[in-house]
Amino acid sequence: MNGINLNNKKMKKLALLLMAGLFLVAQVYASTPADQKDFVGKWKFDNPHAPYNYQQGTFDLHENEGALVGALKFSDGYAVDLQDLNVKEGILTFGMNIESYYITVSTTVEDEKLKGTVVTPDGDMPFEAVKVTKEEQDQE
């Protein structure tokens, strides 16, 4: 009987260690910062803090020869290329020239949403965008 109890104790310890290991792996994965591929796609934004013509639009981010590239298109059709795209420690930064001003954006991705800040000559403002689904893109 002692042999059976000893095996049960070993099995319980093994199961407990296995569960702890899985938990640790899940925590490490959950805290891994986003990388470049997490930002790739089409994003739709609505920023009521921006001047009227610049409040809504979309931007596309894709990889070209390992580098992140993209363009932004406002709802009135005005489009600009995104510049200086960089992902470091889970934060995407980029800039764009709008009406002779260089505007910068710094954002993170979480659950198919981007949240960050737009830095303009008139001050900082919050920025949010949602990823456009394949179905939404097909409807356009």
N, C-alpha and C. Protein backbone atom coordinates (compact mmCIF):
# COMPACT_ATOMS: atom_id res chain seq x y z
N MET A 1 0.79 -1.19 0.00
CA MET A 1 0.00 0.00 0.00
C MET A 1 0.84 1.27 0.00
N ASN A 2 1.98 1.20 0.66
CA ASN A 2 2.88 2.34 0.67
C ASN A 2 3.34 2.71 -0.73
N GLY A 3 3.54 1.71 -1.57
CA GLY A 3 3.96 1.95 -2.95
C GLY A 3 2.93 2.74 -3.73
N ILE A 4 1.67 2.48 -3.49
CA ILE A 4 0.59 3.18 -4.19
C ILE A 4 0.52 4.63 -3.73
N ASN A 5 0.60 4.87 -2.44
CA ASN A 5 0.57 6.23 -1.93
C ASN A 5 1.77 7.04 -2.41
N LEU A 6 2.92 6.41 -2.48
CA LEU A 6 4.12 7.08 -2.96
C LEU A 6 3.94 7.50 -4.42
N ASN A 7 3.39 6.62 -5.24
CA ASN A 7 3.15 6.96 -6.65
C ASN A 7 2.13 8.06 -6.78
N ASN A 8 1.07 8.04 -5.96
CA ASN A 8 0.06 9.09 -6.00
C ASN A 8 0.69 10.44 -5.66
N LYS A 9 1.56 10.48 -4.65
CA LYS A 9 2.22 11.72 -4.27
C LYS A 9 3.10 12.23 -5.40
N LYS A 10 3.84 11.33 -6.04
CA LYS A 10 4.70 11.72 -7.16
C LYS A 10 3.86 12.24 -8.33
N MET A 11 2.74 11.60 -8.59
CA MET A 11 1.86 12.03 -9.69
C MET A 11 1.27 13.41 -9.40
N LYS A 12 0.88 13.62 -8.14
CA LYS A 12 0.33 14.93 -7.77
C LYS A 12 1.38 16.01 -7.93
N LYS A 13 2.61 15.74 -7.48
CA LYS A 13 3.69 16.72 -7.63
C LYS A 13 3.98 16.99 -9.10
N LEU A 14 4.01 15.93 -9.90
CA LEU A 14 4.27 16.08 -11.33
C LEU A 14 3.17 16.90 -11.99
N ALA A 15 1.92 16.61 -11.65
CA ALA A 15 0.80 17.36 -12.21
C ALA A 15 0.85 18.82 -11.79
N LEU A 16 1.19 19.06 -10.53
CA LEU A 16 1.30 20.43 -10.03
C LEU A 16 2.43 21.18 -10.73
N LEU A 17 3.56 20.54 -10.89
CA LEU A 17 4.68 21.17 -11.60
C LEU A 17 4.33 21.45 -13.06
N LEU A 18 3.64 20.54 -13.70
CA LEU A 18 3.23 20.71 -15.08
C LEU A 18 2.28 21.91 -15.22
N MET A 19 1.31 22.00 -14.32
CA MET A 19 0.37 23.13 -14.35
C MET A 19 1.10 24.45 -14.10
N ALA A 20 2.02 24.46 -13.16
CA ALA A 20 2.79 25.68 -12.89
C ALA A 20 3.61 26.07 -14.11
N GLY A 21 4.21 25.09 -14.77
CA GLY A 21 4.98 25.37 -15.98
C GLY A 21 4.13 25.94 -17.10
N LEU A 22 2.96 25.38 -17.29
CA LEU A 22 2.04 25.90 -18.32
C LEU A 22 1.60 27.32 -18.00
N PHE A 23 1.33 27.58 -16.73
CA PHE A 23 0.94 28.92 -16.31
C PHE A 23 2.06 29.92 -16.61
N LEU A 24 3.29 29.53 -16.30
CA LEU A 24 4.44 30.40 -16.54
C LEU A 24 4.60 30.69 -18.04
N VAL A 25 4.47 29.67 -18.87
CA VAL A 25 4.56 29.86 -20.32
C VAL A 25 3.46 30.80 -20.80
N ALA A 26 2.25 30.64 -20.29
CA ALA A 26 1.13 31.51 -20.68
C ALA A 26 1.40 32.96 -20.27
N GLN A 27 1.97 33.17 -19.10
CA GLN A 27 2.29 34.52 -18.64
C GLN A 27 3.36 35.17 -19.52
N VAL A 28 4.38 34.43 -19.87
CA VAL A 28 5.44 34.96 -20.72
C VAL A 28 4.88 35.32 -22.09
N TYR A 29 4.05 34.43 -22.65
CA TYR A 29 3.45 34.70 -23.95
C TYR A 29 2.54 35.92 -23.90
N ALA A 30 1.75 36.04 -22.85
CA ALA A 30 0.81 37.16 -22.72
C ALA A 30 1.54 38.48 -22.59
N SER A 31 2.72 38.48 -22.00
CA SER A 31 3.44 39.73 -21.79
C SER A 31 4.44 40.04 -22.90
N THR A 32 4.50 39.20 -23.93
CA THR A 32 5.40 39.45 -25.04
C THR A 32 4.91 40.66 -25.83
N PRO A 33 5.77 41.66 -26.03
CA PRO A 33 5.32 42.84 -26.77
C PRO A 33 4.98 42.50 -28.22
N ALA A 34 4.09 43.29 -28.78
CA ALA A 34 3.69 43.10 -30.17
C ALA A 34 4.90 43.29 -31.07
N ASP A 35 4.92 42.58 -32.18
CA ASP A 35 5.99 42.80 -33.15
C ASP A 35 5.36 43.34 -34.44
N GLN A 36 6.19 43.55 -35.42
CA GLN A 36 5.78 44.20 -36.67
C GLN A 36 4.55 43.56 -37.30
N LYS A 37 4.50 42.23 -37.33
CA LYS A 37 3.38 41.55 -38.00
C LYS A 37 2.05 41.81 -37.31
N ASP A 38 2.07 42.16 -36.02
CA ASP A 38 0.83 42.44 -35.31
C ASP A 38 0.17 43.74 -35.78
N PHE A 39 0.93 44.60 -36.40
CA PHE A 39 0.41 45.88 -36.88
C PHE A 39 -0.02 45.83 -38.35
N VAL A 40 0.36 44.77 -39.06
CA VAL A 40 0.05 44.65 -40.48
C VAL A 40 -1.47 44.51 -40.65
N GLY A 41 -2.01 45.24 -41.62
CA GLY A 41 -3.44 45.16 -41.94
C GLY A 41 -4.01 46.52 -42.25
N LYS A 42 -5.31 46.52 -42.43
CA LYS A 42 -6.03 47.77 -42.68
C LYS A 42 -6.72 48.19 -41.39
N TRP A 43 -6.57 49.46 -41.04
CA TRP A 43 -7.09 50.00 -39.79
C TRP A 43 -8.01 51.18 -40.09
N LYS A 44 -9.08 51.29 -39.34
CA LYS A 44 -10.05 52.37 -39.50
C LYS A 44 -10.02 53.23 -38.24
N PHE A 45 -9.93 54.55 -38.43
CA PHE A 45 -9.88 55.43 -37.27
C PHE A 45 -10.99 56.49 -37.35
N ASP A 46 -11.36 56.97 -36.19
CA ASP A 46 -12.33 58.04 -36.02
C ASP A 46 -11.83 58.87 -34.85
N ASN A 47 -11.31 60.06 -35.14
CA ASN A 47 -10.70 60.87 -34.10
C ASN A 47 -11.42 62.21 -34.00
N PRO A 48 -12.39 62.33 -33.11
CA PRO A 48 -13.15 63.58 -32.99
C PRO A 48 -12.32 64.76 -32.49
N HIS A 49 -11.12 64.53 -32.00
CA HIS A 49 -10.25 65.59 -31.50
C HIS A 49 -9.49 66.29 -32.63
N ALA A 50 -9.42 65.67 -33.80
CA ALA A 50 -8.67 66.22 -34.93
C ALA A 50 -9.51 67.26 -35.67
N PRO A 51 -8.85 68.12 -36.45
CA PRO A 51 -9.60 69.07 -37.29
C PRO A 51 -10.56 68.30 -38.21
N TYR A 52 -11.63 68.96 -38.61
CA TYR A 52 -12.75 68.32 -39.31
C TYR A 52 -12.33 67.39 -40.45
N ASN A 53 -11.53 67.84 -41.40
CA ASN A 53 -11.16 67.02 -42.56
C ASN A 53 -10.26 65.84 -42.22
N TYR A 54 -9.75 65.79 -40.99
CA TYR A 54 -8.79 64.76 -40.61
C TYR A 54 -9.30 63.83 -39.51
N GLN A 55 -10.60 63.83 -39.29
CA GLN A 55 -11.16 63.04 -38.20
C GLN A 55 -11.34 61.56 -38.51
N GLN A 56 -11.59 61.21 -39.76
CA GLN A 56 -11.89 59.82 -40.10
C GLN A 56 -11.09 59.37 -41.31
N GLY A 57 -10.85 58.05 -41.35
CA GLY A 57 -10.16 57.49 -42.49
C GLY A 57 -9.65 56.10 -42.20
N THR A 58 -8.79 55.63 -43.07
CA THR A 58 -8.19 54.31 -42.91
C THR A 58 -6.70 54.41 -43.21
N PHE A 59 -5.97 53.45 -42.72
CA PHE A 59 -4.58 53.32 -43.14
C PHE A 59 -4.24 51.85 -43.26
N ASP A 60 -3.39 51.59 -44.23
CA ASP A 60 -2.95 50.23 -44.52
C ASP A 60 -1.48 50.11 -44.16
N LEU A 61 -1.17 49.05 -43.44
CA LEU A 61 0.22 48.75 -43.10
C LEU A 61 0.54 47.37 -43.66
N HIS A 62 1.67 47.26 -44.34
CA HIS A 62 2.11 45.96 -44.84
C HIS A 62 3.63 45.90 -44.83
N GLU A 63 4.13 44.70 -44.98
CA GLU A 63 5.58 44.50 -45.01
C GLU A 63 6.06 44.47 -46.46
N ASN A 64 7.16 45.13 -46.70
CA ASN A 64 7.79 45.13 -48.01
C ASN A 64 9.28 44.89 -47.79
N GLU A 65 9.74 43.72 -48.21
CA GLU A 65 11.14 43.32 -48.02
C GLU A 65 11.58 43.45 -46.57
N GLY A 66 10.70 43.04 -45.66
CA GLY A 66 11.02 43.03 -44.24
C GLY A 66 10.76 44.33 -43.51
N ALA A 67 10.45 45.39 -44.24
CA ALA A 67 10.19 46.69 -43.62
C ALA A 67 8.70 46.98 -43.60
N LEU A 68 8.25 47.66 -42.59
CA LEU A 68 6.85 48.05 -42.48
C LEU A 68 6.64 49.34 -43.28
N VAL A 69 5.65 49.35 -44.16
CA VAL A 69 5.31 50.52 -44.97
C VAL A 69 3.81 50.73 -44.92
N GLY A 70 3.37 51.95 -45.27
CA GLY A 70 1.94 52.17 -45.24
C GLY A 70 1.55 53.53 -45.77
N ALA A 71 0.23 53.69 -45.89
CA ALA A 71 -0.35 54.95 -46.35
C ALA A 71 -1.64 55.18 -45.59
N LEU A 72 -1.98 56.44 -45.41
CA LEU A 72 -3.20 56.83 -44.71
C LEU A 72 -4.10 57.56 -45.70
N LYS A 73 -5.39 57.26 -45.64
CA LYS A 73 -6.35 57.92 -46.52
C LYS A 73 -7.50 58.45 -45.66
N PHE A 74 -7.69 59.77 -45.71
CA PHE A 74 -8.78 60.39 -44.96
C PHE A 74 -10.09 60.17 -45.71
N SER A 75 -11.20 60.34 -45.00
CA SER A 75 -12.51 60.05 -45.59
C SER A 75 -12.84 60.93 -46.79
N ASP A 76 -12.20 62.10 -46.91
CA ASP A 76 -12.45 62.95 -48.07
C ASP A 76 -11.60 62.57 -49.28
N GLY A 77 -10.76 61.52 -49.13
CA GLY A 77 -9.95 61.04 -50.24
C GLY A 77 -8.50 61.49 -50.19
N TYR A 78 -8.17 62.46 -49.36
CA TYR A 78 -6.79 62.95 -49.23
C TYR A 78 -5.94 61.82 -48.65
N ALA A 79 -4.81 61.52 -49.30
CA ALA A 79 -3.96 60.40 -48.87
C ALA A 79 -2.53 60.87 -48.66
N VAL A 80 -1.86 60.26 -47.70
CA VAL A 80 -0.45 60.55 -47.43
C VAL A 80 0.28 59.24 -47.16
N ASP A 81 1.55 59.21 -47.53
CA ASP A 81 2.40 58.06 -47.21
C ASP A 81 2.87 58.19 -45.76
N LEU A 82 2.93 57.08 -45.07
CA LEU A 82 3.46 57.06 -43.72
C LEU A 82 4.97 56.96 -43.80
N GLN A 83 5.65 57.65 -42.91
CA GLN A 83 7.11 57.72 -42.93
C GLN A 83 7.69 57.25 -41.60
N ASP A 84 8.93 56.83 -41.66
CA ASP A 84 9.69 56.49 -40.44
C ASP A 84 8.97 55.46 -39.57
N LEU A 85 8.34 54.45 -40.19
CA LEU A 85 7.64 53.42 -39.43
C LEU A 85 8.65 52.57 -38.66
N ASN A 86 8.36 52.36 -37.39
CA ASN A 86 9.27 51.61 -36.55
C ASN A 86 8.47 50.92 -35.43
N VAL A 87 8.79 49.67 -35.18
CA VAL A 87 8.20 48.94 -34.06
C VAL A 87 9.33 48.58 -33.11
N LYS A 88 9.21 49.06 -31.88
CA LYS A 88 10.22 48.78 -30.87
C LYS A 88 9.52 48.55 -29.54
N GLU A 89 9.82 47.40 -28.94
CA GLU A 89 9.24 47.02 -27.66
C GLU A 89 7.71 47.11 -27.66
N GLY A 90 7.09 46.70 -28.79
CA GLY A 90 5.64 46.65 -28.90
C GLY A 90 4.96 47.96 -29.22
N ILE A 91 5.74 48.99 -29.52
CA ILE A 91 5.17 50.31 -29.83
C ILE A 91 5.48 50.66 -31.28
N LEU A 92 4.43 50.95 -32.04
CA LEU A 92 4.58 51.40 -33.42
C LEU A 92 4.64 52.92 -33.42
N THR A 93 5.65 53.47 -34.08
CA THR A 93 5.72 54.92 -34.28
C THR A 93 5.84 55.19 -35.77
N PHE A 94 5.22 56.26 -36.20
CA PHE A 94 5.34 56.69 -37.60
C PHE A 94 5.01 58.16 -37.69
N GLY A 95 5.33 58.74 -38.83
CA GLY A 95 5.06 60.14 -39.07
C GLY A 95 4.43 60.33 -40.43
N MET A 96 3.94 61.55 -40.64
CA MET A 96 3.35 61.91 -41.94
C MET A 96 3.37 63.42 -42.08
N ASN A 97 3.46 63.87 -43.32
CA ASN A 97 3.40 65.30 -43.60
C ASN A 97 1.98 65.67 -43.98
N ILE A 98 1.41 66.60 -43.22
CA ILE A 98 0.06 67.10 -43.49
C ILE A 98 0.11 68.62 -43.43
N GLU A 99 -0.24 69.24 -44.55
CA GLU A 99 -0.25 70.70 -44.65
C GLU A 99 1.05 71.31 -44.12
N SER A 100 2.16 70.83 -44.58
CA SER A 100 3.50 71.32 -44.23
C SER A 100 3.91 71.05 -42.78
N TYR A 101 3.14 70.27 -42.07
CA TYR A 101 3.50 69.90 -40.70
C TYR A 101 3.84 68.41 -40.66
N TYR A 102 4.83 68.08 -39.85
CA TYR A 102 5.17 66.68 -39.65
C TYR A 102 4.46 66.22 -38.37
N ILE A 103 3.52 65.30 -38.55
CA ILE A 103 2.71 64.76 -37.46
C ILE A 103 3.25 63.39 -37.10
N THR A 104 3.37 63.08 -35.81
CA THR A 104 3.84 61.76 -35.41
C THR A 104 2.75 61.03 -34.63
N VAL A 105 2.80 59.70 -34.73
CA VAL A 105 1.84 58.84 -34.03
C VAL A 105 2.65 57.77 -33.31
N SER A 106 2.25 57.48 -32.10
CA SER A 106 2.84 56.41 -31.30
C SER A 106 1.68 55.57 -30.78
N THR A 107 1.71 54.25 -31.05
CA THR A 107 0.55 53.43 -30.71
C THR A 107 0.95 52.00 -30.37
N THR A 108 0.09 51.35 -29.61
CA THR A 108 0.26 49.93 -29.30
C THR A 108 -0.96 49.19 -29.82
N VAL A 109 -0.83 47.88 -29.97
CA VAL A 109 -1.94 47.06 -30.46
C VAL A 109 -2.39 46.13 -29.34
N GLU A 110 -3.72 46.00 -29.21
CA GLU A 110 -4.29 45.08 -28.23
C GLU A 110 -5.68 44.68 -28.70
N ASP A 111 -5.88 43.40 -28.87
CA ASP A 111 -7.20 42.87 -29.26
C ASP A 111 -7.76 43.55 -30.50
N GLU A 112 -6.97 43.59 -31.57
CA GLU A 112 -7.41 44.15 -32.86
C GLU A 112 -7.73 45.64 -32.78
N LYS A 113 -7.15 46.34 -31.80
CA LYS A 113 -7.33 47.78 -31.67
C LYS A 113 -5.96 48.43 -31.47
N LEU A 114 -5.82 49.62 -32.01
CA LEU A 114 -4.63 50.43 -31.77
C LEU A 114 -5.03 51.57 -30.84
N LYS A 115 -4.19 51.85 -29.89
CA LYS A 115 -4.41 52.97 -28.98
C LYS A 115 -3.10 53.69 -28.80
N GLY A 116 -3.17 55.02 -28.89
CA GLY A 116 -1.93 55.77 -28.74
C GLY A 116 -2.17 57.27 -28.73
N THR A 117 -1.15 57.99 -29.22
CA THR A 117 -1.15 59.44 -29.19
C THR A 117 -0.68 60.00 -30.53
N VAL A 118 -1.33 61.06 -30.96
CA VAL A 118 -0.91 61.82 -32.14
C VAL A 118 -0.29 63.11 -31.61
N VAL A 119 0.92 63.42 -32.08
CA VAL A 119 1.60 64.64 -31.67
C VAL A 119 1.54 65.62 -32.83
N THR A 120 0.89 66.77 -32.60
CA THR A 120 0.71 67.79 -33.63
C THR A 120 1.27 69.12 -33.13
N PRO A 121 1.43 70.09 -34.02
CA PRO A 121 1.89 71.42 -33.57
C PRO A 121 0.90 72.06 -32.59
N ASP A 122 -0.37 71.65 -32.64
CA ASP A 122 -1.38 72.22 -31.75
C ASP A 122 -1.52 71.44 -30.44
N GLY A 123 -0.71 70.40 -30.26
CA GLY A 123 -0.76 69.63 -29.03
C GLY A 123 -1.03 68.15 -29.29
N ASP A 124 -0.93 67.38 -28.24
CA ASP A 124 -1.15 65.94 -28.33
C ASP A 124 -2.64 65.62 -28.26
N MET A 125 -3.02 64.52 -28.93
CA MET A 125 -4.41 64.06 -28.84
C MET A 125 -4.43 62.53 -28.85
N PRO A 126 -5.45 61.96 -28.23
CA PRO A 126 -5.54 60.49 -28.21
C PRO A 126 -5.84 59.97 -29.61
N PHE A 127 -5.42 58.72 -29.84
CA PHE A 127 -5.62 58.08 -31.13
C PHE A 127 -6.09 56.65 -30.91
N GLU A 128 -7.12 56.25 -31.65
CA GLU A 128 -7.60 54.87 -31.62
C GLU A 128 -7.99 54.44 -33.01
N ALA A 129 -7.77 53.17 -33.31
CA ALA A 129 -8.17 52.59 -34.59
C ALA A 129 -8.54 51.14 -34.35
N VAL A 130 -9.41 50.63 -35.20
CA VAL A 130 -9.80 49.21 -35.13
C VAL A 130 -9.41 48.54 -36.44
N LYS A 131 -9.05 47.28 -36.34
CA LYS A 131 -8.64 46.53 -37.52
C LYS A 131 -9.87 46.22 -38.36
N VAL A 132 -9.75 46.44 -39.65
CA VAL A 132 -10.83 46.14 -40.59
C VAL A 132 -10.77 44.64 -40.90
N THR A 133 -11.89 43.97 -40.74
CA THR A 133 -11.92 42.54 -40.99
C THR A 133 -11.91 42.24 -42.48
N LYS A 134 -11.57 41.01 -42.82
CA LYS A 134 -11.57 40.57 -44.22
C LYS A 134 -12.93 40.77 -44.84
N GLU A 135 -13.99 40.46 -44.10
CA GLU A 135 -15.37 40.60 -44.60
C GLU A 135 -15.68 42.07 -44.91
N GLU A 136 -15.25 42.99 -44.02
CA GLU A 136 -15.49 44.42 -44.26
C GLU A 136 -14.72 44.90 -45.49
N GLN A 137 -13.51 44.40 -45.67
CA GLN A 137 -12.71 44.79 -46.84
C GLN A 137 -13.37 44.29 -48.12
N ASP A 138 -13.94 43.08 -48.08
CA ASP A 138 -14.58 42.51 -49.26
C ASP A 138 -15.84 43.30 -49.65
N GLN A 139 -16.47 43.95 -48.68
CA GLN A 139 -17.69 44.72 -48.95
C GLN A 139 -17.40 46.08 -49.56
N GLU A 140 -16.16 46.54 -49.44
CA GLU A 140 -15.81 47.87 -49.97
C GLU A 140 -15.73 47.90 -51.46
